[in-house]
């Protein structure tokens, strides 16, 4: 069922990568919710990195400073980095407001869910 829903989903959110066969497409929007702002080299910034860095249309960052770092780390346009907080923390403090911000950024109708 996981593959079924994955292939049918319009939006995919992940924090540690998706399937390696995910490629850019107009029918899916992939958002990387990386699990922390890096204090070490990650993804493409890590010269010793031996794994495939999965495609993401959007990446999140906690500030403008980290937005530049995340754009470089995941080789995405700076405009595709959403400055938010960290989902694992923000939802604990302001769940409804955070959900509305994420839904708005992706053009999802909040009343739908």
PDB file of N, CA and C in Angstrom:
ATOM      1  N   UNK A   1       0.824  -1.196   0.000  1.00  0.00           N
ATOM      2  CA  UNK A   1       0.000   0.000   0.000  1.00  0.00           C
ATOM      3  C   UNK A   1       0.864   1.255   0.000  1.00  0.00           C
ATOM      4  N   UNK A   2       2.038   1.161   0.629  1.00  0.00           N
ATOM      5  CA  UNK A   2       2.923   2.319   0.663  1.00  0.00           C
ATOM      6  C   UNK A   2       3.322   2.776  -0.730  1.00  0.00           C
ATOM      7  N   UNK A   3       3.691   1.821  -1.598  1.00  0.00           N
ATOM      8  CA  UNK A   3       4.048   2.172  -2.972  1.00  0.00           C
ATOM      9  C   UNK A   3       2.839   2.746  -3.709  1.00  0.00           C
ATOM     10  N   UNK A   4       1.673   2.181  -3.487  1.00  0.00           N
ATOM     11  CA  UNK A   4       0.451   2.653  -4.135  1.00  0.00           C
ATOM     12  C   UNK A   4       0.233   4.133  -3.822  1.00  0.00           C
ATOM     13  N   UNK A   5       0.269   4.476  -2.535  1.00  0.00           N
ATOM     14  CA  UNK A   5       0.036   5.865  -2.140  1.00  0.00           C
ATOM     15  C   UNK A   5       1.184   6.774  -2.585  1.00  0.00           C
ATOM     16  N   UNK A   6       2.400   6.259  -2.555  1.00  0.00           N
ATOM     17  CA  UNK A   6       3.546   7.045  -3.009  1.00  0.00           C
ATOM     18  C   UNK A   6       3.389   7.437  -4.477  1.00  0.00           C
ATOM     19  N   UNK A   7       3.037   6.483  -5.319  1.00  0.00           N
ATOM     20  CA  UNK A   7       2.914   6.763  -6.747  1.00  0.00           C
ATOM     21  C   UNK A   7       1.704   7.640  -7.073  1.00  0.00           C
ATOM     22  N   UNK A   8       0.677   7.607  -6.255  1.00  0.00           N
ATOM     23  CA  UNK A   8      -0.516   8.405  -6.510  1.00  0.00           C
ATOM     24  C   UNK A   8      -0.453   9.792  -5.886  1.00  0.00           C
ATOM     25  N   UNK A   9       0.470  10.003  -4.963  1.00  0.00           N
ATOM     26  CA  UNK A   9       0.544  11.279  -4.234  1.00  0.00           C
ATOM     27  C   UNK A   9       0.997  12.415  -5.134  1.00  0.00           C
ATOM     28  N   UNK A  10       0.417  13.569  -4.920  1.00  0.00           N
ATOM     29  CA  UNK A  10       0.865  14.766  -5.623  1.00  0.00           C
ATOM     30  C   UNK A  10       1.987  15.439  -4.832  1.00  0.00           C
ATOM     31  N   UNK A  11       1.952  15.328  -3.509  1.00  0.00           N
ATOM     32  CA  UNK A  11       2.943  15.927  -2.630  1.00  0.00           C
ATOM     33  C   UNK A  11       3.649  14.828  -1.858  1.00  0.00           C
ATOM     34  N   UNK A  12       4.971  14.906  -1.821  1.00  0.00           N
ATOM     35  CA  UNK A  12       5.771  13.945  -1.070  1.00  0.00           C
ATOM     36  C   UNK A  12       6.664  14.743  -0.130  1.00  0.00           C
ATOM     37  N   UNK A  13       6.575  14.454   1.148  1.00  0.00           N
ATOM     38  CA  UNK A  13       7.401  15.096   2.153  1.00  0.00           C
ATOM     39  C   UNK A  13       8.329  14.039   2.739  1.00  0.00           C
ATOM     40  N   UNK A  14       9.615  14.359   2.863  1.00  0.00           N
ATOM     41  CA  UNK A  14      10.550  13.395   3.434  1.00  0.00           C
ATOM     42  C   UNK A  14      11.626  14.124   4.222  1.00  0.00           C
ATOM     43  N   UNK A  15      12.301  13.380   5.096  1.00  0.00           N
ATOM     44  CA  UNK A  15      13.387  13.986   5.864  1.00  0.00           C
ATOM     45  C   UNK A  15      14.704  13.243   5.692  1.00  0.00           C
ATOM     46  N   UNK A  16      14.684  12.060   5.160  1.00  0.00           N
ATOM     47  CA  UNK A  16      15.916  11.285   4.995  1.00  0.00           C
ATOM     48  C   UNK A  16      16.006  10.674   3.603  1.00  0.00           C
ATOM     49  N   UNK A  17      15.352  11.275   2.639  1.00  0.00           N
ATOM     50  CA  UNK A  17      15.409  10.767   1.277  1.00  0.00           C
ATOM     51  C   UNK A  17      14.156   9.995   0.900  1.00  0.00           C
ATOM     52  N   UNK A  18      13.973   9.833  -0.391  1.00  0.00           N
ATOM     53  CA  UNK A  18      12.860   9.061  -0.917  1.00  0.00           C
ATOM     54  C   UNK A  18      13.457   7.882  -1.665  1.00  0.00           C
ATOM     55  N   UNK A  19      12.683   7.287  -2.505  1.00  0.00           N
ATOM     56  CA  UNK A  19      13.201   6.205  -3.333  1.00  0.00           C
ATOM     57  C   UNK A  19      14.170   6.781  -4.361  1.00  0.00           C
ATOM     58  N   UNK A  20      15.208   6.053  -4.681  1.00  0.00           N
ATOM     59  CA  UNK A  20      16.245   6.568  -5.577  1.00  0.00           C
ATOM     60  C   UNK A  20      15.754   6.794  -6.998  1.00  0.00           C
ATOM     61  N   UNK A  21      14.617   6.214  -7.351  1.00  0.00           N
ATOM     62  CA  UNK A  21      14.102   6.375  -8.714  1.00  0.00           C
ATOM     63  C   UNK A  21      13.244   7.633  -8.889  1.00  0.00           C
ATOM     64  N   UNK A  22      13.069   8.428  -7.844  1.00  0.00           N
ATOM     65  CA  UNK A  22      12.271   9.646  -7.951  1.00  0.00           C
ATOM     66  C   UNK A  22      13.046  10.677  -8.767  1.00  0.00           C
ATOM     67  N   UNK A  23      12.446  11.135  -9.833  1.00  0.00           N
ATOM     68  CA  UNK A  23      13.053  12.139 -10.709  1.00  0.00           C
ATOM     69  C   UNK A  23      12.111  13.340 -10.798  1.00  0.00           C
ATOM     70  N   UNK A  24      12.631  14.498 -11.207  1.00  0.00           N
ATOM     71  CA  UNK A  24      11.756  15.668 -11.330  1.00  0.00           C
ATOM     72  C   UNK A  24      10.589  15.402 -12.276  1.00  0.00           C
ATOM     73  N   UNK A  25       9.412  15.795 -11.863  1.00  0.00           N
ATOM     74  CA  UNK A  25       8.213  15.629 -12.667  1.00  0.00           C
ATOM     75  C   UNK A  25       7.224  16.730 -12.326  1.00  0.00           C
ATOM     76  N   UNK A  26       6.377  17.080 -13.253  1.00  0.00           N
ATOM     77  CA  UNK A  26       5.365  18.110 -12.997  1.00  0.00           C
ATOM     78  C   UNK A  26       4.180  17.573 -12.209  1.00  0.00           C
ATOM     79  N   UNK A  27       4.041  16.253 -12.134  1.00  0.00           N
ATOM     80  CA  UNK A  27       2.877  15.683 -11.454  1.00  0.00           C
ATOM     81  C   UNK A  27       3.093  15.482  -9.959  1.00  0.00           C
ATOM     82  N   UNK A  28       4.333  15.607  -9.477  1.00  0.00           N
ATOM     83  CA  UNK A  28       4.623  15.449  -8.054  1.00  0.00           C
ATOM     84  C   UNK A  28       5.479  16.611  -7.571  1.00  0.00           C
ATOM     85  N   UNK A  29       5.235  17.028  -6.349  1.00  0.00           N
ATOM     86  CA  UNK A  29       6.068  18.034  -5.703  1.00  0.00           C
ATOM     87  C   UNK A  29       6.705  17.357  -4.498  1.00  0.00           C
ATOM     88  N   UNK A  30       8.035  17.373  -4.467  1.00  0.00           N
ATOM     89  CA  UNK A  30       8.784  16.698  -3.415  1.00  0.00           C
ATOM     90  C   UNK A  30       9.424  17.753  -2.511  1.00  0.00           C
ATOM     91  N   UNK A  31       9.131  17.675  -1.219  1.00  0.00           N
ATOM     92  CA  UNK A  31       9.663  18.628  -0.248  1.00  0.00           C
ATOM     93  C   UNK A  31      10.544  17.896   0.761  1.00  0.00           C
ATOM     94  N   UNK A  32      11.781  18.345   0.860  1.00  0.00           N
ATOM     95  CA  UNK A  32      12.757  17.765   1.762  1.00  0.00           C
ATOM     96  C   UNK A  32      12.677  18.477   3.111  1.00  0.00           C
ATOM     97  N   UNK A  33      12.235  17.769   4.126  1.00  0.00           N
ATOM     98  CA  UNK A  33      12.132  18.318   5.482  1.00  0.00           C
ATOM     99  C   UNK A  33      13.363  17.899   6.276  1.00  0.00           C
ATOM    100  N   UNK A  34      14.535  18.220   5.780  1.00  0.00           N
ATOM    101  CA  UNK A  34      15.786  17.773   6.396  1.00  0.00           C
ATOM    102  C   UNK A  34      15.696  17.914   7.904  1.00  0.00           C
ATOM    103  N   UNK A  35      16.224  16.945   8.629  1.00  0.00           N
ATOM    104  CA  UNK A  35      15.997  16.816  10.062  1.00  0.00           C
ATOM    105  C   UNK A  35      16.787  17.773  10.951  1.00  0.00           C
ATOM    106  N   UNK A  36      17.568  18.664  10.393  1.00  0.00           N
ATOM    107  CA  UNK A  36      18.269  19.646  11.207  1.00  0.00           C
ATOM    108  C   UNK A  36      19.070  20.588  10.335  1.00  0.00           C
ATOM    109  N   UNK A  37      19.362  21.764  10.848  1.00  0.00           N
ATOM    110  CA  UNK A  37      20.201  22.686  10.087  1.00  0.00           C
ATOM    111  C   UNK A  37      21.645  22.250  10.294  1.00  0.00           C
ATOM    112  N   UNK A  38      22.374  22.130   9.204  1.00  0.00           N
ATOM    113  CA  UNK A  38      23.687  21.479   9.292  1.00  0.00           C
ATOM    114  C   UNK A  38      24.765  22.325   9.964  1.00  0.00           C
ATOM    115  N   UNK A  39      25.476  21.690  10.873  1.00  0.00           N
ATOM    116  CA  UNK A  39      26.700  22.259  11.415  1.00  0.00           C
ATOM    117  C   UNK A  39      27.886  21.452  10.882  1.00  0.00           C
ATOM    118  N   UNK A  40      27.584  20.545   9.987  1.00  0.00           N
ATOM    119  CA  UNK A  40      28.603  19.750   9.302  1.00  0.00           C
ATOM    120  C   UNK A  40      28.232  19.714   7.824  1.00  0.00           C
ATOM    121  N   UNK A  41      29.115  19.250   6.994  1.00  0.00           N
ATOM    122  CA  UNK A  41      28.822  19.141   5.563  1.00  0.00           C
ATOM    123  C   UNK A  41      27.846  18.002   5.320  1.00  0.00           C
ATOM    124  N   UNK A  42      26.813  18.285   4.523  1.00  0.00           N
ATOM    125  CA  UNK A  42      25.807  17.274   4.198  1.00  0.00           C
ATOM    126  C   UNK A  42      25.607  17.219   2.692  1.00  0.00           C
ATOM    127  N   UNK A  43      25.046  16.136   2.235  1.00  0.00           N
ATOM    128  CA  UNK A  43      24.664  15.941   0.830  1.00  0.00           C
ATOM    129  C   UNK A  43      25.802  16.334  -0.108  1.00  0.00           C
ATOM    130  N   UNK A  44      25.534  17.217  -1.077  1.00  0.00           N
ATOM    131  CA  UNK A  44      26.544  17.582  -2.069  1.00  0.00           C
ATOM    132  C   UNK A  44      27.690  18.408  -1.497  1.00  0.00           C
ATOM    133  N   UNK A  45      27.549  18.962  -0.298  1.00  0.00           N
ATOM    134  CA  UNK A  45      28.639  19.717   0.319  1.00  0.00           C
ATOM    135  C   UNK A  45      29.654  18.805   0.998  1.00  0.00           C
ATOM    136  N   UNK A  46      29.294  17.545   1.199  1.00  0.00           N
ATOM    137  CA  UNK A  46      30.168  16.560   1.833  1.00  0.00           C
ATOM    138  C   UNK A  46      30.972  15.837   0.758  1.00  0.00           C
ATOM    139  N   UNK A  47      32.235  16.146   0.665  1.00  0.00           N
ATOM    140  CA  UNK A  47      33.084  15.568  -0.391  1.00  0.00           C
ATOM    141  C   UNK A  47      33.185  14.044  -0.279  1.00  0.00           C
ATOM    142  N   UNK A  48      33.026  13.498   0.906  1.00  0.00           N
ATOM    143  CA  UNK A  48      33.109  12.049   1.095  1.00  0.00           C
ATOM    144  C   UNK A  48      31.773  11.333   0.988  1.00  0.00           C
ATOM    145  N   UNK A  49      30.721  12.067   0.613  1.00  0.00           N
ATOM    146  CA  UNK A  49      29.372  11.492   0.555  1.00  0.00           C
ATOM    147  C   UNK A  49      29.302  10.451  -0.564  1.00  0.00           C
ATOM    148  N   UNK A  50      28.876   9.246  -0.236  1.00  0.00           N
ATOM    149  CA  UNK A  50      28.905   8.151  -1.201  1.00  0.00           C
ATOM    150  C   UNK A  50      27.518   7.705  -1.660  1.00  0.00           C
ATOM    151  N   UNK A  51      26.484   8.394  -1.255  1.00  0.00           N
ATOM    152  CA  UNK A  51      25.136   7.973  -1.575  1.00  0.00           C
ATOM    153  C   UNK A  51      24.482   8.922  -2.572  1.00  0.00           C
ATOM    154  N   UNK A  52      23.405   8.477  -3.157  1.00  0.00           N
ATOM    155  CA  UNK A  52      22.642   9.322  -4.074  1.00  0.00           C
ATOM    156  C   UNK A  52      21.861  10.346  -3.245  1.00  0.00           C
ATOM    157  N   UNK A  53      21.934  11.595  -3.652  1.00  0.00           N
ATOM    158  CA  UNK A  53      21.129  12.627  -3.007  1.00  0.00           C
ATOM    159  C   UNK A  53      19.817  12.685  -3.778  1.00  0.00           C
ATOM    160  N   UNK A  54      18.738  12.331  -3.115  1.00  0.00           N
ATOM    161  CA  UNK A  54      17.439  12.256  -3.774  1.00  0.00           C
ATOM    162  C   UNK A  54      16.931  13.615  -4.214  1.00  0.00           C
ATOM    163  N   UNK A  55      16.226  13.625  -5.321  1.00  0.00           N
ATOM    164  CA  UNK A  55      15.641  14.847  -5.875  1.00  0.00           C
ATOM    165  C   UNK A  55      14.615  15.438  -4.920  1.00  0.00           C
ATOM    166  N   UNK A  56      14.651  16.755  -4.783  1.00  0.00           N
ATOM    167  CA  UNK A  56      13.633  17.488  -4.033  1.00  0.00           C
ATOM    168  C   UNK A  56      13.329  18.772  -4.788  1.00  0.00           C
ATOM    169  N   UNK A  57      12.045  19.102  -4.897  1.00  0.00           N
ATOM    170  CA  UNK A  57      11.650  20.374  -5.507  1.00  0.00           C
ATOM    171  C   UNK A  57      11.824  21.519  -4.530  1.00  0.00           C
ATOM    172  N   UNK A  58      11.582  21.235  -3.259  1.00  0.00           N
ATOM    173  CA  UNK A  58      11.696  22.236  -2.200  1.00  0.00           C
ATOM    174  C   UNK A  58      12.487  21.650  -1.038  1.00  0.00           C
ATOM    175  N   UNK A  59      13.153  22.545  -0.316  1.00  0.00           N
ATOM    176  CA  UNK A  59      13.898  22.196   0.891  1.00  0.00           C
ATOM    177  C   UNK A  59      13.518  23.240   1.930  1.00  0.00           C
ATOM    178  N   UNK A  60      13.524  22.862   3.201  1.00  0.00           N
ATOM    179  CA  UNK A  60      13.230  23.845   4.239  1.00  0.00           C
ATOM    180  C   UNK A  60      14.518  24.285   4.929  1.00  0.00           C
ATOM    181  N   UNK A  61      14.471  25.468   5.528  1.00  0.00           N
ATOM    182  CA  UNK A  61      15.575  26.001   6.320  1.00  0.00           C
ATOM    183  C   UNK A  61      14.985  26.840   7.443  1.00  0.00           C
ATOM    184  N   UNK A  62      15.774  27.037   8.499  1.00  0.00           N
ATOM    185  CA  UNK A  62      15.269  27.803   9.643  1.00  0.00           C
ATOM    186  C   UNK A  62      15.553  29.289   9.541  1.00  0.00           C
ATOM    187  N   UNK A  63      16.409  29.692   8.599  1.00  0.00           N
ATOM    188  CA  UNK A  63      16.729  31.107   8.441  1.00  0.00           C
ATOM    189  C   UNK A  63      17.276  31.343   7.039  1.00  0.00           C
ATOM    190  N   UNK A  64      17.437  32.622   6.684  1.00  0.00           N
ATOM    191  CA  UNK A  64      17.991  32.961   5.370  1.00  0.00           C
ATOM    192  C   UNK A  64      19.426  32.445   5.242  1.00  0.00           C
ATOM    193  N   UNK A  65      20.191  32.520   6.319  1.00  0.00           N
ATOM    194  CA  UNK A  65      21.559  32.008   6.304  1.00  0.00           C
ATOM    195  C   UNK A  65      21.565  30.526   5.934  1.00  0.00           C
ATOM    196  N   UNK A  66      20.745  29.751   6.620  1.00  0.00           N
ATOM    197  CA  UNK A  66      20.694  28.318   6.336  1.00  0.00           C
ATOM    198  C   UNK A  66      20.042  28.028   4.986  1.00  0.00           C
ATOM    199  N   UNK A  67      19.228  28.932   4.481  1.00  0.00           N
ATOM    200  CA  UNK A  67      18.613  28.734   3.163  1.00  0.00           C
ATOM    201  C   UNK A  67      19.690  28.626   2.089  1.00  0.00           C
ATOM    202  N   UNK A  68      20.705  29.475   2.167  1.00  0.00           N
ATOM    203  CA  UNK A  68      21.807  29.402   1.197  1.00  0.00           C
ATOM    204  C   UNK A  68      22.552  28.072   1.312  1.00  0.00           C
ATOM    205  N   UNK A  69      22.784  27.642   2.534  1.00  0.00           N
ATOM    206  CA  UNK A  69      23.491  26.383   2.763  1.00  0.00           C
ATOM    207  C   UNK A  69      22.671  25.202   2.254  1.00  0.00           C
ATOM    208  N   UNK A  70      21.381  25.197   2.549  1.00  0.00           N
ATOM    209  CA  UNK A  70      20.521  24.081   2.127  1.00  0.00           C
ATOM    210  C   UNK A  70      20.383  24.048   0.601  1.00  0.00           C
ATOM    211  N   UNK A  71      20.306  25.214  -0.034  1.00  0.00           N
ATOM    212  CA  UNK A  71      20.231  25.266  -1.497  1.00  0.00           C
ATOM    213  C   UNK A  71      21.484  24.641  -2.109  1.00  0.00           C
ATOM    214  N   UNK A  72      22.641  24.963  -1.560  1.00  0.00           N
ATOM    215  CA  UNK A  72      23.892  24.402  -2.070  1.00  0.00           C
ATOM    216  C   UNK A  72      23.993  22.910  -1.763  1.00  0.00           C
ATOM    217  N   UNK A  73      23.601  22.516  -0.567  1.00  0.00           N
ATOM    218  CA  UNK A  73      23.710  21.113  -0.162  1.00  0.00           C
ATOM    219  C   UNK A  73      22.847  20.192  -1.021  1.00  0.00           C
ATOM    220  N   UNK A  74      21.682  20.677  -1.436  1.00  0.00           N
ATOM    221  CA  UNK A  74      20.772  19.827  -2.206  1.00  0.00           C
ATOM    222  C   UNK A  74      20.644  20.271  -3.663  1.00  0.00           C
ATOM    223  N   UNK A  75      21.522  21.182  -4.069  1.00  0.00           N
ATOM    224  CA  UNK A  75      21.575  21.668  -5.452  1.00  0.00           C
ATOM    225  C   UNK A  75      20.196  22.059  -5.980  1.00  0.00           C
ATOM    226  N   UNK A  76      19.592  22.964  -5.267  1.00  0.00           N
ATOM    227  CA  UNK A  76      18.299  23.497  -5.678  1.00  0.00           C
ATOM    228  C   UNK A  76      18.401  25.016  -5.732  1.00  0.00           C
ATOM    229  N   UNK A  77      17.471  25.646  -6.397  1.00  0.00           N
ATOM    230  CA  UNK A  77      17.438  27.108  -6.465  1.00  0.00           C
ATOM    231  C   UNK A  77      17.134  27.687  -5.092  1.00  0.00           C
ATOM    232  N   UNK A  78      17.761  28.815  -4.792  1.00  0.00           N
ATOM    233  CA  UNK A  78      17.515  29.491  -3.517  1.00  0.00           C
ATOM    234  C   UNK A  78      16.025  29.781  -3.336  1.00  0.00           C
ATOM    235  N   UNK A  79      15.335  30.106  -4.436  1.00  0.00           N
ATOM    236  CA  UNK A  79      13.900  30.410  -4.380  1.00  0.00           C
ATOM    237  C   UNK A  79      13.074  29.189  -3.948  1.00  0.00           C
ATOM    238  N   UNK A  80      13.648  28.003  -4.057  1.00  0.00           N
ATOM    239  CA  UNK A  80      12.934  26.780  -3.692  1.00  0.00           C
ATOM    240  C   UNK A  80      13.242  26.324  -2.269  1.00  0.00           C
ATOM    241  N   UNK A  81      13.864  27.195  -1.503  1.00  0.00           N
ATOM    242  CA  UNK A  81      14.106  26.905  -0.089  1.00  0.00           C
ATOM    243  C   UNK A  81      13.085  27.698   0.711  1.00  0.00           C
ATOM    244  N   UNK A  82      12.268  26.999   1.459  1.00  0.00           N
ATOM    245  CA  UNK A  82      11.221  27.622   2.266  1.00  0.00           C
ATOM    246  C   UNK A  82      11.765  27.884   3.669  1.00  0.00           C
ATOM    247  N   UNK A  83      11.796  29.148   4.063  1.00  0.00           N
ATOM    248  CA  UNK A  83      12.287  29.486   5.397  1.00  0.00           C
ATOM    249  C   UNK A  83      11.128  29.292   6.376  1.00  0.00           C
ATOM    250  N   UNK A  84      11.265  28.261   7.157  1.00  0.00           N
ATOM    251  CA  UNK A  84      10.278  27.907   8.186  1.00  0.00           C
ATOM    252  C   UNK A  84      11.071  27.627   9.453  1.00  0.00           C
ATOM    253  N   UNK A  85      10.493  26.914  10.328  1.00  0.00           N
ATOM    254  CA  UNK A  85      11.241  26.391  11.463  1.00  0.00           C
ATOM    255  C   UNK A  85      11.552  24.936  11.161  1.00  0.00           C
ATOM    256  N   UNK A  86      11.728  24.138  12.204  1.00  0.00           N
ATOM    257  CA  UNK A  86      11.891  22.700  12.034  1.00  0.00           C
ATOM    258  C   UNK A  86      10.560  22.025  12.353  1.00  0.00           C
ATOM    259  N   UNK A  87      10.017  21.273  11.424  1.00  0.00           N
ATOM    260  CA  UNK A  87       8.699  20.660  11.641  1.00  0.00           C
ATOM    261  C   UNK A  87       8.591  19.855  12.931  1.00  0.00           C
ATOM    262  N   UNK A  88       9.639  19.152  13.285  1.00  0.00           N
ATOM    263  CA  UNK A  88       9.559  18.315  14.490  1.00  0.00           C
ATOM    264  C   UNK A  88       9.433  19.152  15.760  1.00  0.00           C
ATOM    265  N   UNK A  89       9.852  20.416  15.707  1.00  0.00           N
ATOM    266  CA  UNK A  89       9.753  21.292  16.875  1.00  0.00           C
ATOM    267  C   UNK A  89       8.575  22.252  16.779  1.00  0.00           C
ATOM    268  N   UNK A  90       8.387  22.847  15.619  1.00  0.00           N
ATOM    269  CA  UNK A  90       7.366  23.881  15.457  1.00  0.00           C
ATOM    270  C   UNK A  90       5.967  23.388  15.758  1.00  0.00           C
ATOM    271  N   UNK A  91       5.675  22.205  15.351  1.00  0.00           N
ATOM    272  CA  UNK A  91       4.324  21.690  15.557  1.00  0.00           C
ATOM    273  C   UNK A  91       4.008  21.559  17.048  1.00  0.00           C
ATOM    274  N   UNK A  92       5.026  21.398  17.874  1.00  0.00           N
ATOM    275  CA  UNK A  92       4.806  21.317  19.317  1.00  0.00           C
ATOM    276  C   UNK A  92       4.373  22.656  19.899  1.00  0.00           C
ATOM    277  N   UNK A  93       4.816  23.747  19.263  1.00  0.00           N
ATOM    278  CA  UNK A  93       4.534  25.086  19.778  1.00  0.00           C
ATOM    279  C   UNK A  93       3.315  25.740  19.146  1.00  0.00           C
ATOM    280  N   UNK A  94       3.120  25.513  17.863  1.00  0.00           N
ATOM    281  CA  UNK A  94       2.053  26.221  17.172  1.00  0.00           C
ATOM    282  C   UNK A  94       1.539  25.382  16.007  1.00  0.00           C
ATOM    283  N   UNK A  95       0.946  24.244  16.307  1.00  0.00           N
ATOM    284  CA  UNK A  95       0.530  23.279  15.306  1.00  0.00           C
ATOM    285  C   UNK A  95      -0.374  23.823  14.213  1.00  0.00           C
ATOM    286  N   UNK A  96      -1.440  24.539  14.553  1.00  0.00           N
ATOM    287  CA  UNK A  96      -2.395  25.021  13.549  1.00  0.00           C
ATOM    288  C   UNK A  96      -1.772  26.062  12.628  1.00  0.00           C
ATOM    289  N   UNK A  97      -1.033  26.992  13.190  1.00  0.00           N
ATOM    290  CA  UNK A  97      -0.396  28.033  12.389  1.00  0.00           C
ATOM    291  C   UNK A  97       0.640  27.415  11.448  1.00  0.00           C
ATOM    292  N   UNK A  98       1.410  26.467  11.936  1.00  0.00           N
ATOM    293  CA  UNK A  98       2.437  25.820  11.126  1.00  0.00           C
ATOM    294  C   UNK A  98       1.801  25.057   9.964  1.00  0.00           C
ATOM    295  N   UNK A  99       0.747  24.309  10.234  1.00  0.00           N
ATOM    296  CA  UNK A  99       0.069  23.563   9.183  1.00  0.00           C
ATOM    297  C   UNK A  99      -0.457  24.513   8.111  1.00  0.00           C
ATOM    298  N   UNK A 100      -1.032  25.629   8.518  1.00  0.00           N
ATOM    299  CA  UNK A 100      -1.551  26.601   7.561  1.00  0.00           C
ATOM    300  C   UNK A 100      -0.431  27.166   6.692  1.00  0.00           C
ATOM    301  N   UNK A 101       0.728  27.428   7.272  1.00  0.00           N
ATOM    302  CA  UNK A 101       1.866  27.972   6.528  1.00  0.00           C
ATOM    303  C   UNK A 101       2.372  26.973   5.486  1.00  0.00           C
ATOM    304  N   UNK A 102       2.483  25.731   5.864  1.00  0.00           N
ATOM    305  CA  UNK A 102       2.935  24.691   4.935  1.00  0.00           C
ATOM    306  C   UNK A 102       1.917  24.509   3.815  1.00  0.00           C
ATOM    307  N   UNK A 103       0.639  24.403   4.165  1.00  0.00           N
ATOM    308  CA  UNK A 103      -0.399  24.219   3.145  1.00  0.00           C
ATOM    309  C   UNK A 103      -0.421  25.397   2.179  1.00  0.00           C
ATOM    310  N   UNK A 104      -0.279  26.616   2.701  1.00  0.00           N
ATOM    311  CA  UNK A 104      -0.285  27.812   1.854  1.00  0.00           C
ATOM    312  C   UNK A 104       0.897  27.796   0.884  1.00  0.00           C
ATOM    313  N   UNK A 105       2.078  27.419   1.367  1.00  0.00           N
ATOM    314  CA  UNK A 105       3.278  27.390   0.522  1.00  0.00           C
ATOM    315  C   UNK A 105       3.121  26.440  -0.661  1.00  0.00           C
ATOM    316  N   UNK A 106       2.368  25.370  -0.469  1.00  0.00           N
ATOM    317  CA  UNK A 106       2.192  24.387  -1.525  1.00  0.00           C
ATOM    318  C   UNK A 106       0.856  24.511  -2.257  1.00  0.00           C
ATOM    319  N   UNK A 107       0.086  25.534  -1.920  1.00  0.00           N
ATOM    320  CA  UNK A 107      -1.169  25.751  -2.604  1.00  0.00           C
ATOM    321  C   UNK A 107      -2.229  24.699  -2.318  1.00  0.00           C
ATOM    322  N   UNK A 108      -2.183  24.122  -1.122  1.00  0.00           N
ATOM    323  CA  UNK A 108      -3.151  23.098  -0.717  1.00  0.00           C
ATOM    324  C   UNK A 108      -4.259  23.793   0.073  1.00  0.00           C
ATOM    325  N   UNK A 109      -5.493  23.484  -0.242  1.00  0.00           N
ATOM    326  CA  UNK A 109      -6.639  24.062   0.443  1.00  0.00           C
ATOM    327  C   UNK A 109      -6.688  23.533   1.876  1.00  0.00           C
ATOM    328  N   UNK A 110      -6.554  24.402   2.855  1.00  0.00           N
ATOM    329  CA  UNK A 110      -6.532  24.010   4.255  1.00  0.00           C
ATOM    330  C   UNK A 110      -7.850  23.381   4.683  1.00  0.00           C
ATOM    331  N   UNK A 111      -8.948  23.796   4.091  1.00  0.00           N
ATOM    332  CA  UNK A 111     -10.246  23.250   4.465  1.00  0.00           C
ATOM    333  C   UNK A 111     -10.456  21.820   3.972  1.00  0.00           C
ATOM    334  N   UNK A 112      -9.591  21.388   3.058  1.00  0.00           N
ATOM    335  CA  UNK A 112      -9.702  20.044   2.500  1.00  0.00           C
ATOM    336  C   UNK A 112      -9.360  18.963   3.507  1.00  0.00           C
ATOM    337  N   UNK A 113      -8.524  19.298   4.507  1.00  0.00           N
ATOM    338  CA  UNK A 113      -8.112  18.281   5.482  1.00  0.00           C
ATOM    339  C   UNK A 113      -8.564  18.654   6.849  1.00  0.00           C
TER     340      UNK A 113
END
